[in-house]
PDB file of N, CA and C in Angstrom:
ATOM      1  N   MET A   1      18.491 -24.352  18.320  1.00  0.00           N
ATOM      2  CA  MET A   1      18.488 -23.858  16.949  1.00  0.00           C
ATOM      3  C   MET A   1      17.557 -22.654  16.871  1.00  0.00           C
ATOM      4  N   GLU A   2      18.053 -21.554  16.324  1.00  0.00           N
ATOM      5  CA  GLU A   2      17.276 -20.328  16.197  1.00  0.00           C
ATOM      6  C   GLU A   2      16.624 -20.268  14.823  1.00  0.00           C
ATOM      7  N   ILE A   3      15.342 -19.992  14.818  1.00  0.00           N
ATOM      8  CA  ILE A   3      14.600 -19.871  13.563  1.00  0.00           C
ATOM      9  C   ILE A   3      14.471 -18.392  13.247  1.00  0.00           C
ATOM     10  N   VAL A   4      14.902 -18.016  12.084  1.00  0.00           N
ATOM     11  CA  VAL A   4      14.816 -16.633  11.645  1.00  0.00           C
ATOM     12  C   VAL A   4      13.674 -16.512  10.653  1.00  0.00           C
ATOM     13  N   VAL A   5      12.712 -15.650  10.975  1.00  0.00           N
ATOM     14  CA  VAL A   5      11.579 -15.425  10.091  1.00  0.00           C
ATOM     15  C   VAL A   5      11.824 -14.109   9.381  1.00  0.00           C
ATOM     16  N   LYS A   6      11.925 -14.166   8.092  1.00  0.00           N
ATOM     17  CA  LYS A   6      12.160 -12.972   7.298  1.00  0.00           C
ATOM     18  C   LYS A   6      10.823 -12.356   6.917  1.00  0.00           C
ATOM     19  N   LYS A   7      10.653 -11.091   7.256  1.00  0.00           N
ATOM     20  CA  LYS A   7       9.413 -10.398   6.937  1.00  0.00           C
ATOM     21  C   LYS A   7       9.390 -10.077   5.442  1.00  0.00           C
ATOM     22  N   GLN A   8       8.280 -10.373   4.825  1.00  0.00           N
ATOM     23  CA  GLN A   8       8.113 -10.126   3.406  1.00  0.00           C
ATOM     24  C   GLN A   8       7.877  -8.629   3.182  1.00  0.00           C
ATOM     25  N   SER A   9       8.521  -8.061   2.174  1.00  0.00           N
ATOM     26  CA  SER A   9       8.344  -6.642   1.888  1.00  0.00           C
ATOM     27  C   SER A   9       6.913  -6.360   1.438  1.00  0.00           C
ATOM     28  N   LEU A  10       6.502  -5.130   1.639  1.00  0.00           N
ATOM     29  CA  LEU A  10       5.151  -4.734   1.236  1.00  0.00           C
ATOM     30  C   LEU A  10       4.975  -4.905  -0.267  1.00  0.00           C
ATOM     31  N   ARG A  11       5.980  -4.541  -1.034  1.00  0.00           N
ATOM     32  CA  ARG A  11       5.895  -4.717  -2.488  1.00  0.00           C
ATOM     33  C   ARG A  11       5.671  -6.182  -2.848  1.00  0.00           C
ATOM     34  N   LYS A  12       6.352  -7.072  -2.151  1.00  0.00           N
ATOM     35  CA  LYS A  12       6.195  -8.506  -2.409  1.00  0.00           C
ATOM     36  C   LYS A  12       4.786  -8.958  -2.027  1.00  0.00           C
ATOM     37  N   GLN A  13       4.262  -8.432  -0.931  1.00  0.00           N
ATOM     38  CA  GLN A  13       2.915  -8.791  -0.500  1.00  0.00           C
ATOM     39  C   GLN A  13       1.870  -8.327  -1.506  1.00  0.00           C
ATOM     40  N   LEU A  14       2.142  -7.232  -2.194  1.00  0.00           N
ATOM     41  CA  LEU A  14       1.192  -6.649  -3.147  1.00  0.00           C
ATOM     42  C   LEU A  14       1.470  -7.086  -4.585  1.00  0.00           C
ATOM     43  N   GLU A  15       2.386  -8.003  -4.750  1.00  0.00           N
ATOM     44  CA  GLU A  15       2.846  -8.424  -6.068  1.00  0.00           C
ATOM     45  C   GLU A  15       1.708  -8.736  -7.054  1.00  0.00           C
ATOM     46  N   ASP A  16       0.657  -9.364  -6.593  1.00  0.00           N
ATOM     47  CA  ASP A  16      -0.431  -9.775  -7.471  1.00  0.00           C
ATOM     48  C   ASP A  16      -1.205  -8.592  -8.060  1.00  0.00           C
ATOM     49  N   ILE A  17      -1.216  -7.463  -7.362  1.00  0.00           N
ATOM     50  CA  ILE A  17      -2.029  -6.329  -7.817  1.00  0.00           C
ATOM     51  C   ILE A  17      -1.223  -5.070  -8.113  1.00  0.00           C
ATOM     52  N   ILE A  18       0.077  -5.109  -7.878  1.00  0.00           N
ATOM     53  CA  ILE A  18       0.882  -3.885  -7.911  1.00  0.00           C
ATOM     54  C   ILE A  18       0.797  -3.117  -9.226  1.00  0.00           C
ATOM     55  N   VAL A  19       0.719  -3.793 -10.346  1.00  0.00           N
ATOM     56  CA  VAL A  19       0.665  -3.084 -11.633  1.00  0.00           C
ATOM     57  C   VAL A  19      -0.761  -2.723 -12.045  1.00  0.00           C
ATOM     58  N   ASP A  20      -1.750  -3.203 -11.317  1.00  0.00           N
ATOM     59  CA  ASP A  20      -3.141  -2.962 -11.686  1.00  0.00           C
ATOM     60  C   ASP A  20      -3.782  -1.783 -10.961  1.00  0.00           C
ATOM     61  N   ILE A  21      -3.062  -1.188 -10.050  1.00  0.00           N
ATOM     62  CA  ILE A  21      -3.637  -0.121  -9.230  1.00  0.00           C
ATOM     63  C   ILE A  21      -2.839   1.159  -9.410  1.00  0.00           C
ATOM     64  N   SER A  22      -3.532   2.275  -9.441  1.00  0.00           N
ATOM     65  CA  SER A  22      -2.866   3.566  -9.481  1.00  0.00           C
ATOM     66  C   SER A  22      -2.527   3.970  -8.043  1.00  0.00           C
ATOM     67  N   TRP A  23      -1.273   3.710  -7.656  1.00  0.00           N
ATOM     68  CA  TRP A  23      -0.851   4.031  -6.292  1.00  0.00           C
ATOM     69  C   TRP A  23      -0.849   5.533  -6.067  1.00  0.00           C
ATOM     70  N   ALA A  24      -0.639   6.306  -7.130  1.00  0.00           N
ATOM     71  CA  ALA A  24      -0.703   7.763  -7.017  1.00  0.00           C
ATOM     72  C   ALA A  24      -2.108   8.195  -6.581  1.00  0.00           C
ATOM     73  N   LYS A  25      -3.123   7.553  -7.151  1.00  0.00           N
ATOM     74  CA  LYS A  25      -4.514   7.870  -6.772  1.00  0.00           C
ATOM     75  C   LYS A  25      -4.805   7.444  -5.336  1.00  0.00           C
ATOM     76  N   ILE A  26      -4.263   6.303  -4.918  1.00  0.00           N
ATOM     77  CA  ILE A  26      -4.444   5.842  -3.536  1.00  0.00           C
ATOM     78  C   ILE A  26      -3.819   6.862  -2.578  1.00  0.00           C
ATOM     79  N   ALA A  27      -2.599   7.308  -2.904  1.00  0.00           N
ATOM     80  CA  ALA A  27      -1.900   8.285  -2.055  1.00  0.00           C
ATOM     81  C   ALA A  27      -2.721   9.556  -1.917  1.00  0.00           C
ATOM     82  N   LYS A  28      -3.246  10.038  -3.028  1.00  0.00           N
ATOM     83  CA  LYS A  28      -4.006  11.295  -3.033  1.00  0.00           C
ATOM     84  C   LYS A  28      -5.364  11.131  -2.346  1.00  0.00           C
ATOM     85  N   ARG A  29      -6.100  10.121  -2.724  1.00  0.00           N
ATOM     86  CA  ARG A  29      -7.471   9.946  -2.242  1.00  0.00           C
ATOM     87  C   ARG A  29      -7.550   9.582  -0.760  1.00  0.00           C
ATOM     88  N   TYR A  30      -6.714   8.667  -0.327  1.00  0.00           N
ATOM     89  CA  TYR A  30      -6.837   8.128   1.024  1.00  0.00           C
ATOM     90  C   TYR A  30      -5.860   8.727   2.034  1.00  0.00           C
ATOM     91  N   PHE A  31      -4.772   9.319   1.542  1.00  0.00           N
ATOM     92  CA  PHE A  31      -3.771   9.868   2.455  1.00  0.00           C
ATOM     93  C   PHE A  31      -3.521  11.362   2.252  1.00  0.00           C
ATOM     94  N   GLU A  32      -4.010  11.916   1.135  1.00  0.00           N
ATOM     95  CA  GLU A  32      -3.737  13.305   0.763  1.00  0.00           C
ATOM     96  C   GLU A  32      -2.229  13.555   0.705  1.00  0.00           C
ATOM     97  N   LYS A  33      -1.535  12.599   0.082  1.00  0.00           N
ATOM     98  CA  LYS A  33      -0.081  12.659  -0.063  1.00  0.00           C
ATOM     99  C   LYS A  33       0.287  12.524  -1.530  1.00  0.00           C
ATOM    100  N   SER A  34       1.560  12.750  -1.826  1.00  0.00           N
ATOM    101  CA  SER A  34       2.050  12.680  -3.199  1.00  0.00           C
ATOM    102  C   SER A  34       2.311  11.235  -3.611  1.00  0.00           C
ATOM    103  N   PRO A  35       2.362  11.002  -4.926  1.00  0.00           N
ATOM    104  CA  PRO A  35       2.693   9.656  -5.394  1.00  0.00           C
ATOM    105  C   PRO A  35       4.045   9.173  -4.865  1.00  0.00           C
ATOM    106  N   SER A  36       5.040  10.055  -4.832  1.00  0.00           N
ATOM    107  CA  SER A  36       6.360   9.630  -4.354  1.00  0.00           C
ATOM    108  C   SER A  36       6.301   9.179  -2.897  1.00  0.00           C
ATOM    109  N   TRP A  37       5.427   9.792  -2.103  1.00  0.00           N
ATOM    110  CA  TRP A  37       5.288   9.417  -0.695  1.00  0.00           C
ATOM    111  C   TRP A  37       4.915   7.947  -0.577  1.00  0.00           C
ATOM    112  N   ILE A  38       3.893   7.520  -1.324  1.00  0.00           N
ATOM    113  CA  ILE A  38       3.442   6.129  -1.189  1.00  0.00           C
ATOM    114  C   ILE A  38       4.460   5.155  -1.775  1.00  0.00           C
ATOM    115  N   TYR A  39       5.134   5.540  -2.859  1.00  0.00           N
ATOM    116  CA  TYR A  39       6.146   4.648  -3.426  1.00  0.00           C
ATOM    117  C   TYR A  39       7.304   4.466  -2.451  1.00  0.00           C
ATOM    118  N   HIS A  40       7.719   5.553  -1.800  1.00  0.00           N
ATOM    119  CA  HIS A  40       8.780   5.447  -0.790  1.00  0.00           C
ATOM    120  C   HIS A  40       8.332   4.560   0.366  1.00  0.00           C
ATOM    121  N   LYS A  41       7.107   4.757   0.830  1.00  0.00           N
ATOM    122  CA  LYS A  41       6.586   3.949   1.932  1.00  0.00           C
ATOM    123  C   LYS A  41       6.562   2.474   1.560  1.00  0.00           C
ATOM    124  N   MET A  42       6.127   2.172   0.356  1.00  0.00           N
ATOM    125  CA  MET A  42       6.059   0.785  -0.102  1.00  0.00           C
ATOM    126  C   MET A  42       7.455   0.168  -0.235  1.00  0.00           C
ATOM    127  N   ASP A  43       8.442   1.010  -0.530  1.00  0.00           N
ATOM    128  CA  ASP A  43       9.820   0.534  -0.629  1.00  0.00           C
ATOM    129  C   ASP A  43      10.509   0.472   0.731  1.00  0.00           C
ATOM    130  N   GLY A  44       9.828   0.986   1.779  1.00  0.00           N
ATOM    131  CA  GLY A  44      10.401   0.949   3.117  1.00  0.00           C
ATOM    132  C   GLY A  44      11.443   2.009   3.378  1.00  0.00           C
ATOM    133  N   ILE A  45      11.338   3.128   2.651  1.00  0.00           N
ATOM    134  CA  ILE A  45      12.270   4.241   2.863  1.00  0.00           C
ATOM    135  C   ILE A  45      11.490   5.535   3.038  1.00  0.00           C
ATOM    136  N   ASP A  46      12.166   6.551   3.559  1.00  0.00           N
ATOM    137  CA  ASP A  46      11.531   7.861   3.616  1.00  0.00           C
ATOM    138  C   ASP A  46      12.060   8.705   2.464  1.00  0.00           C
ATOM    139  N   GLY A  47      11.656   9.936   2.399  1.00  0.00           N
ATOM    140  CA  GLY A  47      12.056  10.804   1.292  1.00  0.00           C
ATOM    141  C   GLY A  47      13.542  11.068   1.211  1.00  0.00           C
ATOM    142  N   ASN A  48      14.275  10.809   2.295  1.00  0.00           N
ATOM    143  CA  ASN A  48      15.717  11.025   2.327  1.00  0.00           C
ATOM    144  C   ASN A  48      16.510   9.741   2.116  1.00  0.00           C
ATOM    145  N   GLY A  49      15.808   8.646   1.842  1.00  0.00           N
ATOM    146  CA  GLY A  49      16.475   7.375   1.614  1.00  0.00           C
ATOM    147  C   GLY A  49      16.751   6.575   2.869  1.00  0.00           C
ATOM    148  N   ASN A  50      16.293   7.072   4.019  1.00  0.00           N
ATOM    149  CA  ASN A  50      16.472   6.339   5.272  1.00  0.00           C
ATOM    150  C   ASN A  50      15.457   5.207   5.379  1.00  0.00           C
ATOM    151  N   VAL A  51      15.807   4.181   6.132  1.00  0.00           N
ATOM    152  CA  VAL A  51      14.884   3.061   6.351  1.00  0.00           C
ATOM    153  C   VAL A  51      13.658   3.585   7.088  1.00  0.00           C
ATOM    154  N   SER A  52      12.517   3.296   6.549  1.00  0.00           N
ATOM    155  CA  SER A  52      11.250   3.766   7.118  1.00  0.00           C
ATOM    156  C   SER A  52      10.166   2.834   6.625  1.00  0.00           C
ATOM    157  N   GLY A  53       8.993   3.334   6.517  1.00  0.00           N
ATOM    158  CA  GLY A  53       7.871   2.543   6.033  1.00  0.00           C
ATOM    159  C   GLY A  53       6.603   3.074   6.651  1.00  0.00           C
ATOM    160  N   PHE A  54       5.539   2.329   6.515  1.00  0.00           N
ATOM    161  CA  PHE A  54       4.263   2.738   7.071  1.00  0.00           C
ATOM    162  C   PHE A  54       4.275   2.584   8.589  1.00  0.00           C
ATOM    163  N   THR A  55       3.716   3.556   9.263  1.00  0.00           N
ATOM    164  CA  THR A  55       3.502   3.409  10.700  1.00  0.00           C
ATOM    165  C   THR A  55       2.354   2.425  10.885  1.00  0.00           C
ATOM    166  N   THR A  56       2.139   1.989  12.100  1.00  0.00           N
ATOM    167  CA  THR A  56       1.032   1.075  12.379  1.00  0.00           C
ATOM    168  C   THR A  56      -0.290   1.708  11.966  1.00  0.00           C
ATOM    169  N   GLU A  57      -0.458   2.980  12.262  1.00  0.00           N
ATOM    170  CA  GLU A  57      -1.691   3.695  11.887  1.00  0.00           C
ATOM    171  C   GLU A  57      -1.834   3.785  10.371  1.00  0.00           C
ATOM    172  N   GLU A  58      -0.737   4.086   9.679  1.00  0.00           N
ATOM    173  CA  GLU A  58      -0.775   4.176   8.214  1.00  0.00           C
ATOM    174  C   GLU A  58      -1.066   2.818   7.583  1.00  0.00           C
ATOM    175  N   LYS A  59      -0.551   1.747   8.188  1.00  0.00           N
ATOM    176  CA  LYS A  59      -0.844   0.403   7.670  1.00  0.00           C
ATOM    177  C   LYS A  59      -2.337   0.112   7.765  1.00  0.00           C
ATOM    178  N   GLN A  60      -2.951   0.495   8.862  1.00  0.00           N
ATOM    179  CA  GLN A  60      -4.391   0.286   9.019  1.00  0.00           C
ATOM    180  C   GLN A  60      -5.165   1.132   8.010  1.00  0.00           C
ATOM    181  N   GLN A  61      -4.719   2.362   7.801  1.00  0.00           N
ATOM    182  CA  GLN A  61      -5.360   3.244   6.825  1.00  0.00           C
ATOM    183  C   GLN A  61      -5.190   2.674   5.412  1.00  0.00           C
ATOM    184  N   PHE A  62      -4.001   2.145   5.120  1.00  0.00           N
ATOM    185  CA  PHE A  62      -3.716   1.538   3.821  1.00  0.00           C
ATOM    186  C   PHE A  62      -4.602   0.309   3.606  1.00  0.00           C
ATOM    187  N   LYS A  63      -4.716  -0.503   4.625  1.00  0.00           N
ATOM    188  CA  LYS A  63      -5.580  -1.674   4.558  1.00  0.00           C
ATOM    189  C   LYS A  63      -7.022  -1.254   4.294  1.00  0.00           C
ATOM    190  N   GLY A  64      -7.497  -0.230   4.988  1.00  0.00           N
ATOM    191  CA  GLY A  64      -8.848   0.286   4.772  1.00  0.00           C
ATOM    192  C   GLY A  64      -9.035   0.804   3.360  1.00  0.00           C
ATOM    193  N   ALA A  65      -8.012   1.449   2.822  1.00  0.00           N
ATOM    194  CA  ALA A  65      -8.077   1.967   1.453  1.00  0.00           C
ATOM    195  C   ALA A  65      -8.238   0.816   0.461  1.00  0.00           C
ATOM    196  N   LEU A  66      -7.485  -0.260   0.657  1.00  0.00           N
ATOM    197  CA  LEU A  66      -7.594  -1.414  -0.241  1.00  0.00           C
ATOM    198  C   LEU A  66      -8.957  -2.085  -0.125  1.00  0.00           C
ATOM    199  N   TYR A  67      -9.476  -2.184   1.102  1.00  0.00           N
ATOM    200  CA  TYR A  67     -10.825  -2.745   1.285  1.00  0.00           C
ATOM    201  C   TYR A  67     -11.873  -1.858   0.610  1.00  0.00           C
ATOM    202  N   ASP A  68     -11.732  -0.545   0.757  1.00  0.00           N
ATOM    203  CA  ASP A  68     -12.677   0.378   0.134  1.00  0.00           C
ATOM    204  C   ASP A  68     -12.626   0.254  -1.383  1.00  0.00           C
ATOM    205  N   LEU A  69     -11.416   0.220  -1.924  1.00  0.00           N
ATOM    206  CA  LEU A  69     -11.255   0.078  -3.371  1.00  0.00           C
ATOM    207  C   LEU A  69     -11.857  -1.237  -3.856  1.00  0.00           C
ATOM    208  N   SER A  70     -11.627  -2.311  -3.127  1.00  0.00           N
ATOM    209  CA  SER A  70     -12.180  -3.601  -3.547  1.00  0.00           C
ATOM    210  C   SER A  70     -13.704  -3.580  -3.515  1.00  0.00           C
ATOM    211  N   GLU A  71     -14.269  -2.905  -2.543  1.00  0.00           N
ATOM    212  CA  GLU A  71     -15.732  -2.793  -2.464  1.00  0.00           C
ATOM    213  C   GLU A  71     -16.274  -1.957  -3.622  1.00  0.00           C
ATOM    214  N   ARG A  72     -15.579  -0.881  -3.965  1.00  0.00           N
ATOM    215  CA  ARG A  72     -16.001  -0.052  -5.097  1.00  0.00           C
ATOM    216  C   ARG A  72     -15.930  -0.831  -6.401  1.00  0.00           C
ATOM    217  N   ILE A  73     -14.883  -1.648  -6.559  1.00  0.00           N
ATOM    218  CA  ILE A  73     -14.763  -2.471  -7.755  1.00  0.00           C
ATOM    219  C   ILE A  73     -15.899  -3.499  -7.806  1.00  0.00           C
ATOM    220  N   ARG A  74     -16.186  -4.135  -6.688  1.00  0.00           N
ATOM    221  CA  ARG A  74     -17.265  -5.130  -6.625  1.00  0.00           C
ATOM    222  C   ARG A  74     -18.594  -4.504  -6.983  1.00  0.00           C
ATOM    223  N   LYS A  75     -18.889  -3.313  -6.448  1.00  0.00           N
ATOM    224  CA  LYS A  75     -20.148  -2.623  -6.756  1.00  0.00           C
ATOM    225  C   LYS A  75     -20.237  -2.284  -8.232  1.00  0.00           C
ATOM    226  N   SER A  76     -19.144  -1.871  -8.810  1.00  0.00           N
ATOM    227  CA  SER A  76     -19.126  -1.555 -10.237  1.00  0.00           C
ATOM    228  C   SER A  76     -19.386  -2.803 -11.070  1.00  0.00           C
ATOM    229  N   ALA A  77     -18.778  -3.902 -10.672  1.00  0.00           N
ATOM    230  CA  ALA A  77     -18.983  -5.176 -11.383  1.00  0.00           C
ATOM    231  C   ALA A  77     -20.433  -5.624 -11.248  1.00  0.00           C
ATOM    232  N   ASP A  78     -21.008  -5.480 -10.062  1.00  0.00           N
ATOM    233  CA  ASP A  78     -22.401  -5.877  -9.849  1.00  0.00           C
ATOM    234  C   ASP A  78     -23.378  -5.034 -10.666  1.00  0.00           C
ATOM    235  N   ALA A  79     -22.988  -3.806 -10.971  1.00  0.00           N
ATOM    236  CA  ALA A  79     -23.864  -2.910 -11.721  1.00  0.00           C
ATOM    237  C   ALA A  79     -23.903  -3.230 -13.211  1.00  0.00           C
ATOM    238  N   LEU A  80     -23.006  -4.080 -13.664  1.00  0.00           N
ATOM    239  CA  LEU A  80     -22.967  -4.416 -15.102  1.00  0.00           C
ATOM    240  C   LEU A  80     -24.128  -5.301 -15.502  1.00  0.00           C
TER     241      LEU A  80
END
């Protein structure tokens, strides 16, 4: 019996925070890219509608951006 593991989409993985973050700001600040670039990447397509997504390096950079943002939020909360 073959077990098929379906990979969860990035949008699904980010479901809890997707509406609370300015992805346009993340694209600009951490990648120096346009808002459409990050939305396409999150949807798993490139600018031409072809199947694509984040490269391994971009995923690590994206992860670092989220960690940095979470640390900035924590510091702001601690300052209150």
